[in-house]
Amino acid sequence: MIKEATLGAGCFWCIEACYKDVKGVISVFPGYSGGDSETTTYKEVCTGETGHAEIARITFDDEIISFEQLLEVFWFVHDPTQLNKQGGDIGTQYRSVIFYHDKDQRDVAESYKLKLTNEKVWENPVVTEISPLINYIPAEDYHNDYFKLNPENPYCASVVRPKVDKFRKVFADKLK
């Protein structure tokens, strides 16, 4: 069955680049969600005043990859213990967040977060927000495949590429 997941793990260029390579993922699009309005722009979100997070909207075949397996990647590709930041990217738009589409996704996300917290996987507590999907807005077209189209961009070369390379090594068995 074809389903959707909406995840925020810092800069959407990073998570889009990782998820596009995963078996069972049909499409990944950067966007914004969780804010106060039904419309916004990258420039507005970057102010940190809209309440939106940068997210990846993932369409996947759950007969090939489950929502829980997508979350396994999610927990790996960012630091879920950092509140409103990932590395040098600071602001609520970079928060760690799972925007669930239904009760099952909410239950899986909460259970997984609790498991990681109880197992003390990280030294600091997990601060990932788990919230219903609201006010989803696709990002501007130039954000689509940003890393693939701009590999020499300084941010892509120093932040995105190392994250994607590490992801590909660890999840080699899940790649297309």
N, C-alpha and C. Protein backbone atom coordinates (compact mmCIF):
# COMPACT_ATOMS: atom_id res chain seq x y z
N MET A 1 0.84 -1.17 0.00
CA MET A 1 0.00 0.00 0.00
C MET A 1 0.89 1.25 0.00
N ILE A 2 0.52 2.23 -0.77
CA ILE A 2 1.28 3.47 -0.86
C ILE A 2 0.85 4.39 0.29
N LYS A 3 1.85 4.90 1.03
CA LYS A 3 1.60 5.77 2.18
C LYS A 3 2.54 6.96 2.13
N GLU A 4 2.32 7.90 3.05
CA GLU A 4 3.18 9.07 3.16
C GLU A 4 3.69 9.23 4.58
N ALA A 5 4.88 9.79 4.67
CA ALA A 5 5.48 10.15 5.96
C ALA A 5 6.03 11.57 5.80
N THR A 6 5.98 12.34 6.88
CA THR A 6 6.48 13.71 6.85
C THR A 6 7.41 13.90 8.04
N LEU A 7 8.70 14.11 7.73
CA LEU A 7 9.72 14.12 8.77
C LEU A 7 10.61 15.35 8.66
N GLY A 8 10.92 15.94 9.81
CA GLY A 8 11.84 17.06 9.88
C GLY A 8 13.06 16.67 10.69
N ALA A 9 14.23 16.82 10.09
CA ALA A 9 15.47 16.41 10.76
C ALA A 9 16.58 17.39 10.41
N GLY A 10 16.30 18.66 10.58
CA GLY A 10 17.26 19.69 10.20
C GLY A 10 16.98 20.14 8.78
N CYS A 11 18.03 20.47 8.06
CA CYS A 11 17.92 20.95 6.68
C CYS A 11 17.28 19.90 5.79
N PHE A 12 16.27 20.30 5.03
CA PHE A 12 15.58 19.32 4.19
C PHE A 12 16.41 18.82 3.03
N TRP A 13 17.47 19.52 2.66
CA TRP A 13 18.34 19.01 1.59
C TRP A 13 19.02 17.72 2.03
N CYS A 14 19.39 17.64 3.31
CA CYS A 14 20.07 16.44 3.83
C CYS A 14 19.14 15.23 3.83
N ILE A 15 17.97 15.40 4.41
CA ILE A 15 17.10 14.23 4.54
C ILE A 15 16.51 13.81 3.20
N GLU A 16 16.25 14.77 2.32
CA GLU A 16 15.77 14.41 0.99
C GLU A 16 16.81 13.54 0.28
N ALA A 17 18.09 13.96 0.35
CA ALA A 17 19.16 13.24 -0.34
C ALA A 17 19.31 11.81 0.19
N CYS A 18 19.11 11.61 1.48
CA CYS A 18 19.21 10.26 2.05
C CYS A 18 18.01 9.40 1.65
N TYR A 19 16.82 9.89 1.87
CA TYR A 19 15.63 9.07 1.62
C TYR A 19 15.41 8.72 0.16
N LYS A 20 15.88 9.54 -0.77
CA LYS A 20 15.69 9.24 -2.20
C LYS A 20 16.34 7.92 -2.59
N ASP A 21 17.35 7.49 -1.85
CA ASP A 21 18.09 6.27 -2.18
C ASP A 21 17.51 5.01 -1.53
N VAL A 22 16.48 5.12 -0.72
CA VAL A 22 15.97 3.99 0.06
C VAL A 22 14.99 3.14 -0.76
N LYS A 23 15.20 1.82 -0.73
CA LYS A 23 14.27 0.89 -1.39
C LYS A 23 12.87 1.08 -0.82
N GLY A 24 11.89 1.12 -1.69
CA GLY A 24 10.51 1.27 -1.26
C GLY A 24 10.05 2.71 -1.22
N VAL A 25 10.98 3.65 -1.27
CA VAL A 25 10.61 5.07 -1.32
C VAL A 25 10.33 5.43 -2.77
N ILE A 26 9.16 5.98 -2.98
CA ILE A 26 8.72 6.32 -4.34
C ILE A 26 9.13 7.75 -4.68
N SER A 27 8.94 8.67 -3.73
CA SER A 27 9.31 10.06 -3.97
C SER A 27 9.60 10.75 -2.64
N VAL A 28 10.40 11.79 -2.74
CA VAL A 28 10.71 12.62 -1.57
C VAL A 28 10.71 14.07 -2.04
N PHE A 29 9.96 14.91 -1.35
CA PHE A 29 9.91 16.31 -1.70
C PHE A 29 10.13 17.16 -0.46
N PRO A 30 10.99 18.17 -0.56
CA PRO A 30 11.17 19.08 0.56
C PRO A 30 9.94 19.98 0.69
N GLY A 31 9.70 20.40 1.91
CA GLY A 31 8.57 21.29 2.15
C GLY A 31 8.62 21.85 3.56
N TYR A 32 7.49 22.37 3.98
CA TYR A 32 7.35 22.99 5.30
C TYR A 32 6.06 22.48 5.93
N SER A 33 6.08 22.33 7.25
CA SER A 33 4.87 21.91 7.95
C SER A 33 4.94 22.36 9.40
N GLY A 34 3.77 22.35 10.04
CA GLY A 34 3.70 22.62 11.46
C GLY A 34 3.57 24.07 11.84
N GLY A 35 3.46 24.94 10.86
CA GLY A 35 3.39 26.36 11.16
C GLY A 35 1.97 26.85 11.33
N ASP A 36 1.88 28.15 11.55
CA ASP A 36 0.59 28.78 11.83
C ASP A 36 -0.25 29.07 10.58
N SER A 37 0.39 29.15 9.41
CA SER A 37 -0.37 29.53 8.23
C SER A 37 -0.35 28.41 7.18
N GLU A 38 -1.29 28.50 6.25
CA GLU A 38 -1.39 27.50 5.19
C GLU A 38 -0.53 27.84 3.98
N THR A 39 0.15 28.97 4.04
CA THR A 39 1.09 29.37 2.99
C THR A 39 2.34 29.93 3.64
N THR A 40 3.46 29.73 2.98
CA THR A 40 4.71 30.33 3.44
C THR A 40 5.75 30.18 2.34
N THR A 41 6.89 30.79 2.54
CA THR A 41 8.00 30.70 1.60
C THR A 41 9.27 30.35 2.39
N TYR A 42 10.29 29.93 1.66
CA TYR A 42 11.58 29.62 2.28
C TYR A 42 12.09 30.84 3.06
N LYS A 43 12.00 32.00 2.44
CA LYS A 43 12.48 33.23 3.09
C LYS A 43 11.74 33.48 4.41
N GLU A 44 10.43 33.26 4.42
CA GLU A 44 9.64 33.47 5.64
C GLU A 44 9.97 32.41 6.69
N VAL A 45 10.10 31.16 6.28
CA VAL A 45 10.42 30.08 7.22
C VAL A 45 11.78 30.32 7.86
N CYS A 46 12.73 30.84 7.09
CA CYS A 46 14.08 31.09 7.61
C CYS A 46 14.11 32.15 8.70
N THR A 47 13.07 32.94 8.82
CA THR A 47 13.03 33.92 9.91
C THR A 47 12.77 33.24 11.26
N GLY A 48 12.23 32.01 11.20
CA GLY A 48 11.88 31.30 12.42
C GLY A 48 10.58 31.77 13.04
N GLU A 49 9.89 32.67 12.36
CA GLU A 49 8.67 33.26 12.92
C GLU A 49 7.38 32.59 12.47
N THR A 50 7.43 31.69 11.49
CA THR A 50 6.20 31.09 10.96
C THR A 50 5.76 29.85 11.74
N GLY A 51 6.70 29.25 12.46
CA GLY A 51 6.39 28.01 13.17
C GLY A 51 6.56 26.77 12.33
N HIS A 52 6.85 26.94 11.04
CA HIS A 52 7.03 25.79 10.15
C HIS A 52 8.41 25.17 10.35
N ALA A 53 8.48 23.87 10.14
CA ALA A 53 9.75 23.15 10.12
C ALA A 53 10.06 22.78 8.67
N GLU A 54 11.34 22.74 8.34
CA GLU A 54 11.74 22.18 7.05
C GLU A 54 11.55 20.67 7.17
N ILE A 55 10.88 20.10 6.18
CA ILE A 55 10.54 18.66 6.24
C ILE A 55 10.79 17.98 4.90
N ALA A 56 10.80 16.67 4.95
CA ALA A 56 10.77 15.86 3.74
C ALA A 56 9.44 15.12 3.73
N ARG A 57 8.72 15.22 2.63
CA ARG A 57 7.46 14.50 2.45
C ARG A 57 7.79 13.26 1.64
N ILE A 58 7.64 12.10 2.24
CA ILE A 58 8.08 10.84 1.66
C ILE A 58 6.87 9.99 1.28
N THR A 59 6.81 9.59 0.03
CA THR A 59 5.81 8.63 -0.42
C THR A 59 6.52 7.29 -0.52
N PHE A 60 5.93 6.26 0.12
CA PHE A 60 6.61 4.97 0.17
C PHE A 60 5.63 3.82 0.04
N ASP A 61 6.16 2.67 -0.37
CA ASP A 61 5.38 1.45 -0.49
C ASP A 61 5.63 0.65 0.79
N ASP A 62 4.62 0.56 1.65
CA ASP A 62 4.84 -0.09 2.95
C ASP A 62 4.92 -1.61 2.85
N GLU A 63 4.77 -2.15 1.65
CA GLU A 63 5.04 -3.57 1.47
C GLU A 63 6.53 -3.82 1.24
N ILE A 64 7.27 -2.75 0.96
CA ILE A 64 8.72 -2.85 0.76
C ILE A 64 9.46 -2.28 1.96
N ILE A 65 9.00 -1.16 2.48
CA ILE A 65 9.62 -0.54 3.66
C ILE A 65 8.52 -0.01 4.57
N SER A 66 8.65 -0.29 5.84
CA SER A 66 7.63 0.13 6.80
C SER A 66 7.91 1.54 7.32
N PHE A 67 6.91 2.13 7.92
CA PHE A 67 7.08 3.43 8.56
C PHE A 67 8.16 3.33 9.65
N GLU A 68 8.15 2.24 10.40
CA GLU A 68 9.16 2.05 11.44
C GLU A 68 10.57 2.01 10.85
N GLN A 69 10.73 1.38 9.70
CA GLN A 69 12.05 1.35 9.05
C GLN A 69 12.45 2.75 8.56
N LEU A 70 11.48 3.53 8.10
CA LEU A 70 11.77 4.92 7.73
C LEU A 70 12.24 5.69 8.95
N LEU A 71 11.63 5.40 10.10
CA LEU A 71 12.06 6.08 11.34
C LEU A 71 13.46 5.66 11.76
N GLU A 72 13.83 4.41 11.47
CA GLU A 72 15.20 3.97 11.78
C GLU A 72 16.20 4.88 11.05
N VAL A 73 15.93 5.20 9.80
CA VAL A 73 16.77 6.13 9.05
C VAL A 73 16.70 7.52 9.67
N PHE A 74 15.50 7.96 9.98
CA PHE A 74 15.28 9.29 10.59
C PHE A 74 16.14 9.48 11.83
N TRP A 75 16.11 8.52 12.75
CA TRP A 75 16.86 8.66 14.00
C TRP A 75 18.36 8.71 13.72
N PHE A 76 18.80 8.06 12.64
CA PHE A 76 20.22 8.00 12.33
C PHE A 76 20.75 9.27 11.67
N VAL A 77 19.97 9.87 10.78
CA VAL A 77 20.49 10.96 9.95
C VAL A 77 20.52 12.33 10.63
N HIS A 78 20.16 12.38 11.89
CA HIS A 78 20.25 13.65 12.62
C HIS A 78 20.40 13.37 14.10
N ASP A 79 20.58 14.43 14.87
CA ASP A 79 20.71 14.30 16.32
C ASP A 79 19.39 14.70 16.96
N PRO A 80 18.57 13.72 17.38
CA PRO A 80 17.26 14.04 17.93
C PRO A 80 17.30 14.59 19.35
N THR A 81 18.50 14.84 19.86
CA THR A 81 18.62 15.41 21.22
C THR A 81 18.87 16.91 21.18
N GLN A 82 19.02 17.47 19.99
CA GLN A 82 19.26 18.90 19.87
C GLN A 82 17.94 19.62 19.65
N LEU A 83 17.63 20.55 20.52
CA LEU A 83 16.38 21.30 20.42
C LEU A 83 16.54 22.46 19.44
N ASN A 84 15.72 22.44 18.40
CA ASN A 84 15.67 23.53 17.43
C ASN A 84 17.00 23.84 16.76
N LYS A 85 17.75 22.76 16.46
CA LYS A 85 18.99 22.95 15.73
C LYS A 85 19.51 21.60 15.27
N GLN A 86 20.33 21.67 14.24
CA GLN A 86 21.11 20.52 13.78
C GLN A 86 22.43 21.10 13.33
N GLY A 87 23.47 20.77 14.06
CA GLY A 87 24.78 21.31 13.73
C GLY A 87 24.74 22.83 13.79
N GLY A 88 25.19 23.46 12.69
CA GLY A 88 25.21 24.92 12.64
C GLY A 88 23.89 25.54 12.23
N ASP A 89 22.90 24.73 11.87
CA ASP A 89 21.58 25.23 11.50
C ASP A 89 20.75 25.40 12.76
N ILE A 90 20.43 26.65 13.08
CA ILE A 90 19.75 26.94 14.35
C ILE A 90 18.43 27.64 14.09
N GLY A 91 17.39 27.19 14.80
CA GLY A 91 16.07 27.79 14.69
C GLY A 91 15.00 26.72 14.70
N THR A 92 13.79 27.11 15.03
CA THR A 92 12.69 26.14 15.11
C THR A 92 12.42 25.45 13.78
N GLN A 93 12.81 26.07 12.68
CA GLN A 93 12.61 25.45 11.36
C GLN A 93 13.48 24.21 11.18
N TYR A 94 14.49 24.04 12.03
CA TYR A 94 15.39 22.87 11.94
C TYR A 94 15.10 21.84 13.03
N ARG A 95 13.96 21.94 13.68
CA ARG A 95 13.67 21.03 14.78
C ARG A 95 13.50 19.59 14.31
N SER A 96 13.71 18.70 15.24
CA SER A 96 13.48 17.27 15.01
C SER A 96 12.00 17.02 15.23
N VAL A 97 11.32 16.54 14.17
CA VAL A 97 9.87 16.40 14.27
C VAL A 97 9.36 15.29 13.36
N ILE A 98 8.41 14.55 13.88
CA ILE A 98 7.67 13.56 13.11
C ILE A 98 6.23 14.06 13.03
N PHE A 99 5.79 14.42 11.83
CA PHE A 99 4.40 14.84 11.64
C PHE A 99 3.62 13.61 11.19
N TYR A 100 2.85 13.05 12.08
CA TYR A 100 2.15 11.82 11.75
C TYR A 100 0.90 12.08 10.92
N HIS A 101 0.58 11.10 10.07
CA HIS A 101 -0.58 11.18 9.18
C HIS A 101 -1.79 10.46 9.75
N ASP A 102 -1.57 9.56 10.71
CA ASP A 102 -2.69 8.83 11.30
C ASP A 102 -2.27 8.29 12.67
N LYS A 103 -3.22 7.69 13.35
CA LYS A 103 -2.98 7.16 14.70
C LYS A 103 -1.89 6.11 14.72
N ASP A 104 -1.85 5.25 13.71
CA ASP A 104 -0.82 4.20 13.66
C ASP A 104 0.57 4.83 13.61
N GLN A 105 0.76 5.85 12.76
CA GLN A 105 2.07 6.50 12.69
C GLN A 105 2.41 7.16 14.03
N ARG A 106 1.43 7.79 14.65
CA ARG A 106 1.67 8.42 15.95
C ARG A 106 2.12 7.37 16.97
N ASP A 107 1.42 6.25 17.02
CA ASP A 107 1.74 5.20 17.99
C ASP A 107 3.13 4.61 17.75
N VAL A 108 3.47 4.37 16.48
CA VAL A 108 4.79 3.83 16.14
C VAL A 108 5.88 4.84 16.53
N ALA A 109 5.67 6.10 16.21
CA ALA A 109 6.66 7.14 16.52
C ALA A 109 6.86 7.29 18.03
N GLU A 110 5.76 7.33 18.77
CA GLU A 110 5.88 7.48 20.23
C GLU A 110 6.54 6.27 20.86
N SER A 111 6.19 5.08 20.39
CA SER A 111 6.78 3.86 20.92
C SER A 111 8.29 3.81 20.63
N TYR A 112 8.67 4.17 19.41
CA TYR A 112 10.08 4.16 19.02
C TYR A 112 10.86 5.18 19.84
N LYS A 113 10.30 6.37 20.00
CA LYS A 113 10.97 7.41 20.79
C LYS A 113 11.15 6.95 22.23
N LEU A 114 10.14 6.35 22.81
CA LEU A 114 10.21 5.84 24.18
C LEU A 114 11.28 4.76 24.30
N LYS A 115 11.33 3.86 23.34
CA LYS A 115 12.34 2.80 23.34
C LYS A 115 13.74 3.39 23.33
N LEU A 116 14.00 4.34 22.45
CA LEU A 116 15.32 4.96 22.36
C LEU A 116 15.66 5.71 23.64
N THR A 117 14.66 6.35 24.23
CA THR A 117 14.87 7.07 25.49
C THR A 117 15.20 6.10 26.61
N ASN A 118 14.43 5.03 26.73
CA ASN A 118 14.66 4.04 27.79
C ASN A 118 15.99 3.33 27.64
N GLU A 119 16.42 3.11 26.40
CA GLU A 119 17.70 2.44 26.15
C GLU A 119 18.88 3.39 26.25
N LYS A 120 18.58 4.69 26.47
CA LYS A 120 19.62 5.72 26.58
C LYS A 120 20.62 5.63 25.42
N VAL A 121 20.07 5.60 24.21
CA VAL A 121 20.88 5.52 23.01
C VAL A 121 21.79 6.75 22.89
N TRP A 122 21.29 7.88 23.32
CA TRP A 122 22.07 9.11 23.33
C TRP A 122 22.27 9.55 24.78
N GLU A 123 23.33 10.27 25.00
CA GLU A 123 23.64 10.77 26.35
C GLU A 123 22.56 11.74 26.83
N ASN A 124 22.06 12.56 25.91
CA ASN A 124 21.03 13.54 26.26
C ASN A 124 19.65 13.02 25.87
N PRO A 125 18.59 13.56 26.46
CA PRO A 125 17.24 13.08 26.15
C PRO A 125 16.82 13.42 24.71
N VAL A 126 15.99 12.56 24.15
CA VAL A 126 15.43 12.78 22.82
C VAL A 126 14.36 13.87 22.92
N VAL A 127 14.47 14.90 22.09
CA VAL A 127 13.53 16.02 22.13
C VAL A 127 12.64 16.07 20.88
N THR A 128 12.65 15.03 20.09
CA THR A 128 11.87 14.99 18.86
C THR A 128 10.40 15.23 19.15
N GLU A 129 9.83 16.18 18.44
CA GLU A 129 8.41 16.50 18.54
C GLU A 129 7.63 15.48 17.72
N ILE A 130 6.52 15.02 18.24
CA ILE A 130 5.62 14.12 17.50
C ILE A 130 4.26 14.82 17.47
N SER A 131 3.87 15.28 16.28
CA SER A 131 2.68 16.12 16.15
C SER A 131 1.87 15.72 14.92
N PRO A 132 0.58 16.04 14.92
CA PRO A 132 -0.22 15.77 13.73
C PRO A 132 0.24 16.66 12.58
N LEU A 133 0.14 16.16 11.38
CA LEU A 133 0.51 16.92 10.20
C LEU A 133 -0.47 18.08 10.02
N ILE A 134 0.06 19.29 10.02
CA ILE A 134 -0.77 20.47 9.74
C ILE A 134 0.00 21.41 8.81
N ASN A 135 -0.76 22.11 8.01
CA ASN A 135 -0.24 23.16 7.16
C ASN A 135 1.00 22.75 6.37
N TYR A 136 0.89 21.63 5.66
CA TYR A 136 1.98 21.19 4.78
C TYR A 136 2.00 22.06 3.53
N ILE A 137 3.19 22.52 3.19
CA ILE A 137 3.39 23.34 2.01
C ILE A 137 4.63 22.83 1.27
N PRO A 138 4.50 22.48 -0.01
CA PRO A 138 5.69 22.06 -0.76
C PRO A 138 6.69 23.23 -0.85
N ALA A 139 7.96 22.92 -0.79
CA ALA A 139 8.98 23.95 -0.94
C ALA A 139 9.05 24.40 -2.39
N GLU A 140 9.67 25.51 -2.61
CA GLU A 140 9.88 26.04 -3.94
C GLU A 140 10.65 25.00 -4.78
N ASP A 141 10.39 24.98 -6.07
CA ASP A 141 10.96 23.96 -6.97
C ASP A 141 12.47 23.86 -6.90
N TYR A 142 13.16 24.96 -6.68
CA TYR A 142 14.63 24.90 -6.71
C TYR A 142 15.21 24.09 -5.55
N HIS A 143 14.40 23.75 -4.55
CA HIS A 143 14.88 22.90 -3.45
C HIS A 143 14.86 21.42 -3.82
N ASN A 144 14.06 21.04 -4.81
CA ASN A 144 13.97 19.63 -5.22
C ASN A 144 15.31 19.15 -5.77
N ASP A 145 15.78 18.01 -5.25
CA ASP A 145 17.06 17.43 -5.68
C ASP A 145 18.22 18.41 -5.53
N TYR A 146 18.15 19.26 -4.52
CA TYR A 146 19.15 20.32 -4.36
C TYR A 146 20.57 19.77 -4.28
N PHE A 147 20.77 18.76 -3.46
CA PHE A 147 22.11 18.19 -3.32
C PHE A 147 22.60 17.58 -4.64
N LYS A 148 21.75 16.84 -5.29
CA LYS A 148 22.12 16.20 -6.56
C LYS A 148 22.49 17.24 -7.61
N LEU A 149 21.74 18.35 -7.64
CA LEU A 149 21.97 19.39 -8.65
C LEU A 149 23.06 20.39 -8.27
N ASN A 150 23.42 20.43 -6.98
CA ASN A 150 24.39 21.42 -6.49
C ASN A 150 25.44 20.79 -5.59
N PRO A 151 26.08 19.70 -6.01
CA PRO A 151 27.00 19.00 -5.11
C PRO A 151 28.20 19.83 -4.68
N GLU A 152 28.57 20.84 -5.46
CA GLU A 152 29.74 21.65 -5.10
C GLU A 152 29.37 22.89 -4.28
N ASN A 153 28.09 23.12 -4.05
CA ASN A 153 27.68 24.19 -3.16
C ASN A 153 28.41 23.99 -1.84
N PRO A 154 28.97 25.03 -1.23
CA PRO A 154 29.75 24.84 0.00
C PRO A 154 28.98 24.13 1.12
N TYR A 155 27.71 24.45 1.31
CA TYR A 155 26.92 23.78 2.34
C TYR A 155 26.75 22.29 2.00
N CYS A 156 26.46 22.02 0.74
CA CYS A 156 26.29 20.63 0.32
C CYS A 156 27.59 19.84 0.49
N ALA A 157 28.71 20.44 0.11
CA ALA A 157 29.99 19.75 0.20
C ALA A 157 30.42 19.50 1.64
N SER A 158 30.13 20.44 2.53
CA SER A 158 30.62 20.29 3.92
C SER A 158 29.61 19.68 4.88
N VAL A 159 28.31 19.77 4.59
CA VAL A 159 27.29 19.26 5.51
C VAL A 159 26.51 18.09 4.92
N VAL A 160 25.96 18.28 3.73
CA VAL A 160 25.09 17.26 3.15
C VAL A 160 25.89 16.03 2.73
N ARG A 161 26.98 16.23 1.98
CA ARG A 161 27.73 15.09 1.46
C ARG A 161 28.23 14.16 2.57
N PRO A 162 28.86 14.66 3.65
CA PRO A 162 29.31 13.72 4.70
C PRO A 162 28.15 12.94 5.33
N LYS A 163 27.01 13.60 5.51
CA LYS A 163 25.85 12.92 6.09
C LYS A 163 25.34 11.83 5.15
N VAL A 164 25.24 12.14 3.87
CA VAL A 164 24.76 11.17 2.88
C VAL A 164 25.75 10.01 2.75
N ASP A 165 27.04 10.31 2.73
CA ASP A 165 28.05 9.25 2.62
C ASP A 165 27.98 8.30 3.81
N LYS A 166 27.86 8.85 4.99
CA LYS A 166 27.75 8.02 6.21
C LYS A 166 26.47 7.18 6.17
N PHE A 167 25.37 7.81 5.79
CA PHE A 167 24.10 7.10 5.66
C PHE A 167 24.22 5.92 4.69
N ARG A 168 24.82 6.16 3.54
CA ARG A 168 24.94 5.10 2.51
C ARG A 168 25.77 3.92 3.00
N LYS A 169 26.78 4.18 3.81
CA LYS A 169 27.60 3.09 4.36
C LYS A 169 26.79 2.25 5.36
N VAL A 170 26.10 2.92 6.26
CA VAL A 170 25.36 2.22 7.31
C VAL A 170 24.14 1.49 6.78
N PHE A 171 23.47 2.08 5.80
CA PHE A 171 22.21 1.52 5.30
C PHE A 171 22.37 0.93 3.89
N ALA A 172 23.54 0.44 3.56
CA ALA A 172 23.80 -0.10 2.23
C ALA A 172 22.77 -1.16 1.83
N ASP A 173 22.32 -1.97 2.77
CA ASP A 173 21.36 -3.02 2.46
C ASP A 173 19.95 -2.50 2.18
N LYS A 174 19.68 -1.23 2.48
CA LYS A 174 18.37 -0.65 2.24
C LYS A 174 18.34 0.26 1.01
N LEU A 175 19.47 0.33 0.30
CA LEU A 175 19.54 1.25 -0.84
C LEU A 175 19.01 0.61 -2.12
N LYS A 176 18.49 1.45 -3.00
CA LYS A 176 17.98 1.02 -4.32
C LYS A 176 19.14 0.49 -5.15
